[in-house]
Amino acid sequence: MQIIFCTCPDNSTAEKIARWLVENQLAACVNIVPGITSIYAWEGRIESAQEHLLIIKASSLNYQAIETAIQQHHPYKLPEIIALPVEQGLPEYLNWIESCHSSN
């Protein structure tokens, strides 16, 4: 299992990507956390933006397909896509995540 973080510029983009991932069985669940403030270095300047954070719960078998889908549907030139392994969790919940992944 893995958790993937991805920031989006607005709710519309966040919902579009989240729905696409779940409908295509690449993720079991995607949480959208609205109203985060990101402060970051970009092209020699310090930037600040209001964003929405996707918390994507998925099988690690789907990582490459998720990365590709985000890049295809995301408006940023360089979207945040960071995956972290899930080391522990409620076994029934982890089994549910695994059962939702695409076998394609």
Protein backbone atom coordinates (compact mmCIF):
# COMPACT_ATOMS: atom_id res chain seq x y z
CA MET A 1 0.00 0.00 0.00
CA GLN A 2 0.99 3.59 -0.48
CA ILE A 3 -0.15 7.12 0.19
CA ILE A 4 0.47 9.59 -2.62
CA PHE A 5 0.37 13.34 -2.09
CA CYS A 6 -0.49 15.72 -4.91
CA THR A 7 -1.35 19.42 -4.67
CA CYS A 8 -3.84 21.01 -7.05
CA PRO A 9 -4.52 24.68 -7.83
CA ASP A 10 -8.28 24.48 -7.25
CA ASN A 11 -11.16 22.23 -6.19
CA SER A 12 -12.24 21.51 -9.75
CA THR A 13 -8.85 20.07 -10.69
CA ALA A 14 -8.65 18.15 -7.40
CA GLU A 15 -12.08 16.57 -7.90
CA LYS A 16 -11.39 15.74 -11.55
CA ILE A 17 -8.17 13.89 -10.72
CA ALA A 18 -9.62 12.20 -7.62
CA ARG A 19 -12.69 10.92 -9.47
CA TRP A 20 -10.63 9.73 -12.43
CA LEU A 21 -8.31 7.72 -10.16
CA VAL A 22 -11.16 6.07 -8.24
CA GLU A 23 -13.39 5.46 -11.29
CA ASN A 24 -10.47 3.80 -13.10
CA GLN A 25 -9.67 1.63 -10.06
CA LEU A 26 -6.22 3.12 -9.58
CA ALA A 27 -7.04 4.35 -6.06
CA ALA A 28 -9.43 3.06 -3.42
CA CYS A 29 -9.97 6.51 -1.91
CA VAL A 30 -8.77 10.07 -2.43
CA ASN A 31 -9.19 12.73 0.25
CA ILE A 32 -9.28 16.36 -0.84
CA VAL A 33 -7.97 18.76 1.79
CA PRO A 34 -8.94 22.29 0.73
CA GLY A 35 -7.35 25.57 1.63
CA ILE A 36 -3.73 24.66 2.26
CA THR A 37 -1.05 27.29 1.83
CA SER A 38 2.08 26.21 0.00
CA ILE A 39 5.26 28.26 0.19
CA TYR A 40 7.94 27.07 -2.19
CA ALA A 41 10.98 28.04 -4.25
CA TRP A 42 10.29 28.19 -8.00
CA GLU A 43 12.52 29.56 -10.73
CA GLY A 44 14.65 31.62 -8.33
CA ARG A 45 11.75 33.14 -6.38
CA ILE A 46 9.83 32.32 -3.24
CA GLU A 47 6.19 31.71 -4.18
CA SER A 48 3.01 31.25 -2.17
CA ALA A 49 -0.20 29.62 -3.37
CA GLN A 50 -3.52 28.44 -2.01
CA GLU A 51 -3.95 24.82 -3.04
CA HIS A 52 -5.94 21.65 -2.46
CA LEU A 53 -4.07 18.55 -1.30
CA LEU A 54 -4.95 15.10 -2.62
CA ILE A 55 -4.24 12.21 -0.27
CA ILE A 56 -4.41 9.16 -2.53
CA LYS A 57 -4.67 5.67 -1.01
CA ALA A 58 -3.70 2.96 -3.46
CA SER A 59 -1.90 -0.27 -4.09
CA SER A 60 1.77 0.27 -4.85
CA LEU A 61 1.17 -1.82 -7.99
CA ASN A 62 -0.72 1.18 -9.42
CA TYR A 63 1.94 3.83 -8.81
CA GLN A 64 3.13 4.25 -12.40
CA ALA A 65 -0.42 4.46 -13.76
CA ILE A 66 -1.33 7.02 -11.08
CA GLU A 67 1.73 9.13 -11.87
CA THR A 68 0.90 9.05 -15.58
CA ALA A 69 -2.77 9.94 -14.97
CA ILE A 70 -1.87 12.88 -12.74
CA GLN A 71 0.59 14.21 -15.31
CA GLN A 72 -2.06 13.93 -18.04
CA HIS A 73 -4.81 15.69 -16.05
CA HIS A 74 -2.81 18.23 -14.02
CA PRO A 75 -2.30 21.84 -15.16
CA TYR A 76 1.06 22.33 -13.41
CA LYS A 77 4.27 22.03 -15.42
CA LEU A 78 5.75 20.09 -12.49
CA PRO A 79 3.01 18.60 -10.26
CA GLU A 80 3.82 17.32 -6.80
CA ILE A 81 3.63 13.53 -6.85
CA ILE A 82 5.17 11.98 -3.74
CA ALA A 83 4.50 8.39 -2.69
CA LEU A 84 5.07 7.03 0.79
CA PRO A 85 4.79 3.35 1.71
CA VAL A 86 2.22 2.29 4.28
CA GLU A 87 4.06 0.22 6.86
CA GLN A 88 1.13 -0.59 9.13
CA GLY A 89 -2.62 -0.15 9.26
CA LEU A 90 -5.88 -1.84 10.14
CA PRO A 91 -5.62 -5.10 8.18
CA GLU A 92 -9.22 -4.94 6.99
CA TYR A 93 -8.70 -1.40 5.68
CA LEU A 94 -5.48 -2.34 3.90
CA ASN A 95 -7.22 -5.36 2.36
CA TRP A 96 -10.00 -3.06 1.12
CA ILE A 97 -7.45 -0.76 -0.56
CA GLU A 98 -5.83 -3.76 -2.24
CA SER A 99 -9.21 -5.08 -3.42
CA CYS A 100 -9.94 -1.79 -5.24
CA HIS A 101 -6.86 -1.79 -7.49
CA SER A 102 -7.07 -2.39 -11.20
CA SER A 103 -5.63 -5.64 -12.47
CA ASN A 104 -4.85 -4.03 -15.85
